PDB file of all heavy atoms in Angstrom:
ATOM      1  N   PRO A   1     -21.407   6.776   7.567  1.00  0.00           N
ATOM      2  CA  PRO A   1     -20.164   7.243   8.214  1.00  0.00           C
ATOM      3  C   PRO A   1     -19.116   6.161   8.408  1.00  0.00           C
ATOM      4  O   PRO A   1     -17.922   6.466   8.469  1.00  0.00           O
ATOM      5  CB  PRO A   1     -20.671   7.775   9.566  1.00  0.00           C
ATOM      6  CG  PRO A   1     -22.110   8.075   9.360  1.00  0.00           C
ATOM      7  CD  PRO A   1     -22.593   7.051   8.384  1.00  0.00           C
ATOM      8  N   THR A   2     -19.538   4.905   8.517  1.00  0.00           N
ATOM      9  CA  THR A   2     -18.558   3.840   8.722  1.00  0.00           C
ATOM     10  C   THR A   2     -17.655   3.669   7.501  1.00  0.00           C
ATOM     11  O   THR A   2     -16.578   3.068   7.611  1.00  0.00           O
ATOM     12  CB  THR A   2     -19.249   2.493   9.030  1.00  0.00           C
ATOM     13  OG1 THR A   2     -20.112   2.137   7.939  1.00  0.00           O
ATOM     14  CG2 THR A   2     -20.076   2.590  10.308  1.00  0.00           C
ATOM     15  N   LYS A   3     -18.081   4.188   6.350  1.00  0.00           N
ATOM     16  CA  LYS A   3     -17.258   4.086   5.152  1.00  0.00           C
ATOM     17  C   LYS A   3     -15.994   4.957   5.257  1.00  0.00           C
ATOM     18  O   LYS A   3     -15.057   4.774   4.483  1.00  0.00           O
ATOM     19  CB  LYS A   3     -18.072   4.489   3.923  1.00  0.00           C
ATOM     20  CG  LYS A   3     -19.202   3.514   3.597  1.00  0.00           C
ATOM     21  CD  LYS A   3     -18.646   2.129   3.273  1.00  0.00           C
ATOM     22  CE  LYS A   3     -19.758   1.117   3.007  1.00  0.00           C
ATOM     23  NZ  LYS A   3     -20.487   1.400   1.776  1.00  0.00           N
ATOM     24  N   VAL A   4     -15.982   5.900   6.196  1.00  0.00           N
ATOM     25  CA  VAL A   4     -14.772   6.705   6.405  1.00  0.00           C
ATOM     26  C   VAL A   4     -13.642   5.793   6.885  1.00  0.00           C
ATOM     27  O   VAL A   4     -12.515   5.845   6.373  1.00  0.00           O
ATOM     28  CB  VAL A   4     -15.021   7.832   7.430  1.00  0.00           C
ATOM     29  CG1 VAL A   4     -13.723   8.576   7.740  1.00  0.00           C
ATOM     30  CG2 VAL A   4     -16.069   8.799   6.904  1.00  0.00           C
ATOM     31  N   ALA A   5     -13.949   4.947   7.865  1.00  0.00           N
ATOM     32  CA  ALA A   5     -12.944   4.009   8.363  1.00  0.00           C
ATOM     33  C   ALA A   5     -12.547   3.010   7.280  1.00  0.00           C
ATOM     34  O   ALA A   5     -11.370   2.657   7.147  1.00  0.00           O
ATOM     35  CB  ALA A   5     -13.483   3.273   9.589  1.00  0.00           C
ATOM     36  N   LEU A   6     -13.521   2.569   6.496  1.00  0.00           N
ATOM     37  CA  LEU A   6     -13.221   1.640   5.401  1.00  0.00           C
ATOM     38  C   LEU A   6     -12.290   2.284   4.384  1.00  0.00           C
ATOM     39  O   LEU A   6     -11.344   1.650   3.896  1.00  0.00           O
ATOM     40  CB  LEU A   6     -14.511   1.194   4.721  1.00  0.00           C
ATOM     41  CG  LEU A   6     -14.358   0.263   3.513  1.00  0.00           C
ATOM     42  CD1 LEU A   6     -13.666  -1.027   3.915  1.00  0.00           C
ATOM     43  CD2 LEU A   6     -15.709  -0.032   2.877  1.00  0.00           C
ATOM     44  N   ALA A   7     -12.538   3.549   4.066  1.00  0.00           N
ATOM     45  CA  ALA A   7     -11.672   4.265   3.115  1.00  0.00           C
ATOM     46  C   ALA A   7     -10.251   4.379   3.644  1.00  0.00           C
ATOM     47  O   ALA A   7      -9.278   4.243   2.889  1.00  0.00           O
ATOM     48  CB  ALA A   7     -12.247   5.648   2.831  1.00  0.00           C
ATOM     49  N   ILE A   8     -10.114   4.600   4.938  1.00  0.00           N
ATOM     50  CA  ILE A   8      -8.781   4.698   5.543  1.00  0.00           C
ATOM     51  C   ILE A   8      -8.070   3.355   5.461  1.00  0.00           C
ATOM     52  O   ILE A   8      -6.875   3.272   5.130  1.00  0.00           O
ATOM     53  CB  ILE A   8      -8.882   5.171   7.009  1.00  0.00           C
ATOM     54  CG1 ILE A   8      -9.379   6.615   7.055  1.00  0.00           C
ATOM     55  CG2 ILE A   8      -7.527   5.048   7.712  1.00  0.00           C
ATOM     56  CD1 ILE A   8      -9.636   7.124   8.455  1.00  0.00           C
ATOM     57  N   ARG A   9      -8.797   2.270   5.728  1.00  0.00           N
ATOM     58  CA  ARG A   9      -8.182   0.936   5.641  1.00  0.00           C
ATOM     59  C   ARG A   9      -7.751   0.619   4.218  1.00  0.00           C
ATOM     60  O   ARG A   9      -6.669   0.051   3.997  1.00  0.00           O
ATOM     61  CB  ARG A   9      -9.164  -0.129   6.153  1.00  0.00           C
ATOM     62  CG  ARG A   9      -9.431  -0.072   7.644  1.00  0.00           C
ATOM     63  CD  ARG A   9      -9.981  -1.403   8.153  1.00  0.00           C
ATOM     64  NE  ARG A   9     -11.246  -1.725   7.520  1.00  0.00           N
ATOM     65  CZ  ARG A   9     -12.444  -1.346   7.988  1.00  0.00           C
ATOM     66  NH1 ARG A   9     -12.507  -0.597   9.072  1.00  0.00           N
ATOM     67  NH2 ARG A   9     -13.547  -1.695   7.376  1.00  0.00           N
ATOM     68  N   ILE A  10      -8.585   0.972   3.254  1.00  0.00           N
ATOM     69  CA  ILE A  10      -8.232   0.744   1.850  1.00  0.00           C
ATOM     70  C   ILE A  10      -6.986   1.545   1.474  1.00  0.00           C
ATOM     71  O   ILE A  10      -6.080   1.031   0.807  1.00  0.00           O
ATOM     72  CB  ILE A  10      -9.405   1.115   0.935  1.00  0.00           C
ATOM     73  CG1 ILE A  10     -10.557   0.128   1.118  1.00  0.00           C
ATOM     74  CG2 ILE A  10      -8.972   1.132  -0.530  1.00  0.00           C
ATOM     75  CD1 ILE A  10     -11.813   0.495   0.365  1.00  0.00           C
ATOM     76  N   ALA A  11      -6.941   2.796   1.906  1.00  0.00           N
ATOM     77  CA  ALA A  11      -5.791   3.650   1.583  1.00  0.00           C
ATOM     78  C   ALA A  11      -4.508   3.107   2.202  1.00  0.00           C
ATOM     79  O   ALA A  11      -3.453   3.057   1.546  1.00  0.00           O
ATOM     80  CB  ALA A  11      -6.052   5.073   2.068  1.00  0.00           C
ATOM     81  N   ARG A  12      -4.585   2.686   3.454  1.00  0.00           N
ATOM     82  CA  ARG A  12      -3.398   2.146   4.120  1.00  0.00           C
ATOM     83  C   ARG A  12      -2.934   0.850   3.459  1.00  0.00           C
ATOM     84  O   ARG A  12      -1.732   0.633   3.274  1.00  0.00           O
ATOM     85  CB  ARG A  12      -3.698   1.903   5.600  1.00  0.00           C
ATOM     86  CG  ARG A  12      -3.838   3.193   6.413  1.00  0.00           C
ATOM     87  CD  ARG A  12      -4.139   2.887   7.866  1.00  0.00           C
ATOM     88  NE  ARG A  12      -4.170   4.110   8.652  1.00  0.00           N
ATOM     89  CZ  ARG A  12      -4.458   4.145   9.963  1.00  0.00           C
ATOM     90  NH1 ARG A  12      -4.714   3.016  10.601  1.00  0.00           N
ATOM     91  NH2 ARG A  12      -4.477   5.295  10.602  1.00  0.00           N
ATOM     92  N   ARG A  13      -3.874  -0.006   3.104  1.00  0.00           N
ATOM     93  CA  ARG A  13      -3.522  -1.264   2.433  1.00  0.00           C
ATOM     94  C   ARG A  13      -2.891  -0.987   1.076  1.00  0.00           C
ATOM     95  O   ARG A  13      -1.891  -1.629   0.696  1.00  0.00           O
ATOM     96  CB  ARG A  13      -4.778  -2.121   2.278  1.00  0.00           C
ATOM     97  CG  ARG A  13      -4.572  -3.440   1.549  1.00  0.00           C
ATOM     98  CD  ARG A  13      -5.883  -4.199   1.477  1.00  0.00           C
ATOM     99  NE  ARG A  13      -5.818  -5.344   0.590  1.00  0.00           N
ATOM    100  CZ  ARG A  13      -5.363  -6.540   0.928  1.00  0.00           C
ATOM    101  NH1 ARG A  13      -4.920  -6.744   2.154  1.00  0.00           N
ATOM    102  NH2 ARG A  13      -5.349  -7.527   0.063  1.00  0.00           N
ATOM    103  N   THR A  14      -3.447  -0.023   0.344  1.00  0.00           N
ATOM    104  CA  THR A  14      -2.907   0.315  -0.974  1.00  0.00           C
ATOM    105  C   THR A  14      -1.483   0.843  -0.867  1.00  0.00           C
ATOM    106  O   THR A  14      -0.597   0.453  -1.642  1.00  0.00           O
ATOM    107  CB  THR A  14      -3.803   1.359  -1.658  1.00  0.00           C
ATOM    108  OG1 THR A  14      -5.133   0.846  -1.785  1.00  0.00           O
ATOM    109  CG2 THR A  14      -3.280   1.711  -3.037  1.00  0.00           C
ATOM    110  N   LEU A  15      -1.242   1.724   0.105  1.00  0.00           N
ATOM    111  CA  LEU A  15       0.107   2.261   0.296  1.00  0.00           C
ATOM    112  C   LEU A  15       1.086   1.166   0.709  1.00  0.00           C
ATOM    113  O   LEU A  15       2.242   1.161   0.264  1.00  0.00           O
ATOM    114  CB  LEU A  15       0.079   3.366   1.361  1.00  0.00           C
ATOM    115  CG  LEU A  15      -0.516   4.706   0.928  1.00  0.00           C
ATOM    116  CD1 LEU A  15      -0.604   5.653   2.117  1.00  0.00           C
ATOM    117  CD2 LEU A  15       0.324   5.332  -0.173  1.00  0.00           C
ATOM    118  N   ARG A  16       0.617   0.246   1.547  1.00  0.00           N
ATOM    119  CA  ARG A  16       1.490  -0.842   1.987  1.00  0.00           C
ATOM    120  C   ARG A  16       1.902  -1.720   0.812  1.00  0.00           C
ATOM    121  O   ARG A  16       3.084  -2.093   0.675  1.00  0.00           O
ATOM    122  CB  ARG A  16       0.765  -1.659   3.058  1.00  0.00           C
ATOM    123  CG  ARG A  16       1.622  -2.759   3.679  1.00  0.00           C
ATOM    124  CD  ARG A  16       1.000  -3.305   4.949  1.00  0.00           C
ATOM    125  NE  ARG A  16      -0.333  -3.847   4.704  1.00  0.00           N
ATOM    126  CZ  ARG A  16      -1.456  -3.303   5.146  1.00  0.00           C
ATOM    127  NH1 ARG A  16      -1.416  -2.160   5.830  1.00  0.00           N
ATOM    128  NH2 ARG A  16      -2.624  -3.867   4.897  1.00  0.00           N
ATOM    129  N   ILE A  17       0.953  -2.042  -0.050  1.00  0.00           N
ATOM    130  CA  ILE A  17       1.259  -2.865  -1.229  1.00  0.00           C
ATOM    131  C   ILE A  17       2.160  -2.111  -2.200  1.00  0.00           C
ATOM    132  O   ILE A  17       3.074  -2.690  -2.805  1.00  0.00           O
ATOM    133  CB  ILE A  17      -0.054  -3.299  -1.911  1.00  0.00           C
ATOM    134  CG1 ILE A  17      -0.801  -4.292  -1.013  1.00  0.00           C
ATOM    135  CG2 ILE A  17       0.224  -3.927  -3.282  1.00  0.00           C
ATOM    136  CD1 ILE A  17      -2.156  -4.706  -1.532  1.00  0.00           C
ATOM    137  N   ALA A  18       1.921  -0.810  -2.356  1.00  0.00           N
ATOM    138  CA  ALA A  18       2.769  -0.004  -3.246  1.00  0.00           C
ATOM    139  C   ALA A  18       4.209   0.021  -2.749  1.00  0.00           C
ATOM    140  O   ALA A  18       5.156  -0.097  -3.545  1.00  0.00           O
ATOM    141  CB  ALA A  18       2.213   1.415  -3.357  1.00  0.00           C
ATOM    142  N   ARG A  19       4.384   0.144  -1.439  1.00  0.00           N
ATOM    143  CA  ARG A  19       5.743   0.137  -0.876  1.00  0.00           C
ATOM    144  C   ARG A  19       6.406  -1.219  -1.084  1.00  0.00           C
ATOM    145  O   ARG A  19       7.614  -1.302  -1.372  1.00  0.00           O
ATOM    146  CB  ARG A  19       5.689   0.487   0.607  1.00  0.00           C
ATOM    147  CG  ARG A  19       5.272   1.928   0.898  1.00  0.00           C
ATOM    148  CD  ARG A  19       5.509   2.277   2.356  1.00  0.00           C
ATOM    149  NE  ARG A  19       5.036   3.613   2.663  1.00  0.00           N
ATOM    150  CZ  ARG A  19       3.898   3.875   3.285  1.00  0.00           C
ATOM    151  NH1 ARG A  19       3.105   2.886   3.668  1.00  0.00           N
ATOM    152  NH2 ARG A  19       3.541   5.117   3.535  1.00  0.00           N
ATOM    153  N   GLN A  20       5.624  -2.288  -0.921  1.00  0.00           N
ATOM    154  CA  GLN A  20       6.174  -3.623  -1.163  1.00  0.00           C
ATOM    155  C   GLN A  20       6.682  -3.756  -2.595  1.00  0.00           C
ATOM    156  O   GLN A  20       7.781  -4.289  -2.832  1.00  0.00           O
ATOM    157  CB  GLN A  20       5.088  -4.677  -0.899  1.00  0.00           C
ATOM    158  CG  GLN A  20       4.679  -4.813   0.552  1.00  0.00           C
ATOM    159  CD  GLN A  20       3.479  -5.735   0.719  1.00  0.00           C
ATOM    160  OE1 GLN A  20       2.946  -6.259  -0.260  1.00  0.00           O
ATOM    161  NE2 GLN A  20       3.054  -5.937   1.963  1.00  0.00           N
ATOM    162  N   ASN A  21       5.905  -3.262  -3.552  1.00  0.00           N
ATOM    163  CA  ASN A  21       6.300  -3.345  -4.956  1.00  0.00           C
ATOM    164  C   ASN A  21       7.560  -2.544  -5.234  1.00  0.00           C
ATOM    165  O   ASN A  21       8.437  -2.980  -5.988  1.00  0.00           O
ATOM    166  CB  ASN A  21       5.166  -2.852  -5.855  1.00  0.00           C
ATOM    167  CG  ASN A  21       4.040  -3.872  -5.971  1.00  0.00           C
ATOM    168  OD1 ASN A  21       4.219  -5.039  -5.651  1.00  0.00           O
ATOM    169  ND2 ASN A  21       2.879  -3.437  -6.423  1.00  0.00           N
ATOM    170  N   VAL A  22       7.638  -1.353  -4.646  1.00  0.00           N
ATOM    171  CA  VAL A  22       8.816  -0.501  -4.868  1.00  0.00           C
ATOM    172  C   VAL A  22      10.075  -1.168  -4.320  1.00  0.00           C
ATOM    173  O   VAL A  22      11.117  -1.249  -4.992  1.00  0.00           O
ATOM    174  CB  VAL A  22       8.608   0.886  -4.227  1.00  0.00           C
ATOM    175  CG1 VAL A  22       9.917   1.676  -4.225  1.00  0.00           C
ATOM    176  CG2 VAL A  22       7.538   1.662  -4.976  1.00  0.00           C
ATOM    177  N   VAL A  23       9.985  -1.654  -3.090  1.00  0.00           N
ATOM    178  CA  VAL A  23      11.147  -2.289  -2.463  1.00  0.00           C
ATOM    179  C   VAL A  23      11.549  -3.545  -3.230  1.00  0.00           C
ATOM    180  O   VAL A  23      12.740  -3.780  -3.495  1.00  0.00           O
ATOM    181  CB  VAL A  23      10.836  -2.633  -0.992  1.00  0.00           C
ATOM    182  CG1 VAL A  23      11.961  -3.487  -0.394  1.00  0.00           C
ATOM    183  CG2 VAL A  23      10.649  -1.356  -0.185  1.00  0.00           C
ATOM    184  N   PHE A  24      10.568  -4.349  -3.618  1.00  0.00           N
ATOM    185  CA  PHE A  24      10.858  -5.584  -4.348  1.00  0.00           C
ATOM    186  C   PHE A  24      11.494  -5.294  -5.702  1.00  0.00           C
ATOM    187  O   PHE A  24      12.523  -5.893  -6.062  1.00  0.00           O
ATOM    188  CB  PHE A  24       9.555  -6.382  -4.530  1.00  0.00           C
ATOM    189  CG  PHE A  24       9.712  -7.597  -5.387  1.00  0.00           C
ATOM    190  CD1 PHE A  24      10.376  -8.725  -4.914  1.00  0.00           C
ATOM    191  CD2 PHE A  24       9.207  -7.629  -6.679  1.00  0.00           C
ATOM    192  CE1 PHE A  24      10.530  -9.847  -5.707  1.00  0.00           C
ATOM    193  CE2 PHE A  24       9.349  -8.744  -7.481  1.00  0.00           C
ATOM    194  CZ  PHE A  24      10.014  -9.862  -6.991  1.00  0.00           C
ATOM    195  N   ALA A  25      10.906  -4.361  -6.460  1.00  0.00           N
ATOM    196  CA  ALA A  25      11.406  -4.066  -7.803  1.00  0.00           C
ATOM    197  C   ALA A  25      12.816  -3.495  -7.765  1.00  0.00           C
ATOM    198  O   ALA A  25      13.707  -3.946  -8.497  1.00  0.00           O
ATOM    199  CB  ALA A  25      10.460  -3.102  -8.514  1.00  0.00           C
ATOM    200  N   ILE A  26      13.024  -2.514  -6.905  1.00  0.00           N
ATOM    201  CA  ILE A  26      14.352  -1.897  -6.826  1.00  0.00           C
ATOM    202  C   ILE A  26      15.375  -2.892  -6.283  1.00  0.00           C
ATOM    203  O   ILE A  26      16.526  -2.955  -6.761  1.00  0.00           O
ATOM    204  CB  ILE A  26      14.298  -0.637  -5.950  1.00  0.00           C
ATOM    205  CG1 ILE A  26      13.448   0.440  -6.626  1.00  0.00           C
ATOM    206  CG2 ILE A  26      15.711  -0.106  -5.687  1.00  0.00           C
ATOM    207  CD1 ILE A  26      13.292   1.706  -5.819  1.00  0.00           C
ATOM    208  N   GLY A  27      14.975  -3.688  -5.293  1.00  0.00           N
ATOM    209  CA  GLY A  27      15.897  -4.663  -4.704  1.00  0.00           C
ATOM    210  C   GLY A  27      16.371  -5.688  -5.726  1.00  0.00           C
ATOM    211  O   GLY A  27      17.571  -5.990  -5.810  1.00  0.00           O
ATOM    212  N   ILE A  28      15.439  -6.234  -6.523  1.00  0.00           N
ATOM    213  CA  ILE A  28      15.815  -7.224  -7.535  1.00  0.00           C
ATOM    214  C   ILE A  28      16.728  -6.621  -8.595  1.00  0.00           C
ATOM    215  O   ILE A  28      17.731  -7.222  -9.013  1.00  0.00           O
ATOM    216  CB  ILE A  28      14.554  -7.825  -8.190  1.00  0.00           C
ATOM    217  CG1 ILE A  28      13.762  -8.656  -7.182  1.00  0.00           C
ATOM    218  CG2 ILE A  28      14.927  -8.675  -9.404  1.00  0.00           C
ATOM    219  CD1 ILE A  28      14.498  -9.860  -6.644  1.00  0.00           C
ATOM    220  N   LYS A  29      16.391  -5.404  -9.046  1.00  0.00           N
ATOM    221  CA  LYS A  29      17.217  -4.755 -10.081  1.00  0.00           C
ATOM    222  C   LYS A  29      18.621  -4.468  -9.567  1.00  0.00           C
ATOM    223  O   LYS A  29      19.621  -4.662 -10.279  1.00  0.00           O
ATOM    224  CB  LYS A  29      16.545  -3.467 -10.546  1.00  0.00           C
ATOM    225  CG  LYS A  29      15.256  -3.709 -11.344  1.00  0.00           C
ATOM    226  CD  LYS A  29      14.628  -2.404 -11.791  1.00  0.00           C
ATOM    227  CE  LYS A  29      13.303  -2.651 -12.502  1.00  0.00           C
ATOM    228  NZ  LYS A  29      13.463  -3.413 -13.758  1.00  0.00           N
ATOM    229  N   LEU A  30      18.725  -4.009  -8.320  1.00  0.00           N
ATOM    230  CA  LEU A  30      20.054  -3.754  -7.753  1.00  0.00           C
ATOM    231  C   LEU A  30      20.843  -5.059  -7.614  1.00  0.00           C
ATOM    232  O   LEU A  30      22.063  -5.080  -7.844  1.00  0.00           O
ATOM    233  CB  LEU A  30      19.921  -3.075  -6.389  1.00  0.00           C
ATOM    234  CG  LEU A  30      19.441  -1.620  -6.400  1.00  0.00           C
ATOM    235  CD1 LEU A  30      19.276  -1.113  -4.970  1.00  0.00           C
ATOM    236  CD2 LEU A  30      20.424  -0.733  -7.158  1.00  0.00           C
TER     237      LEU A  30
END
């Protein structure tokens, strides 16, 4: 059951990194 919390942490970290990439890529191009 503790893997549920681990999965949530992985998902949140992945989304955070994805947002960083989007902001960085669009910002540089603009």
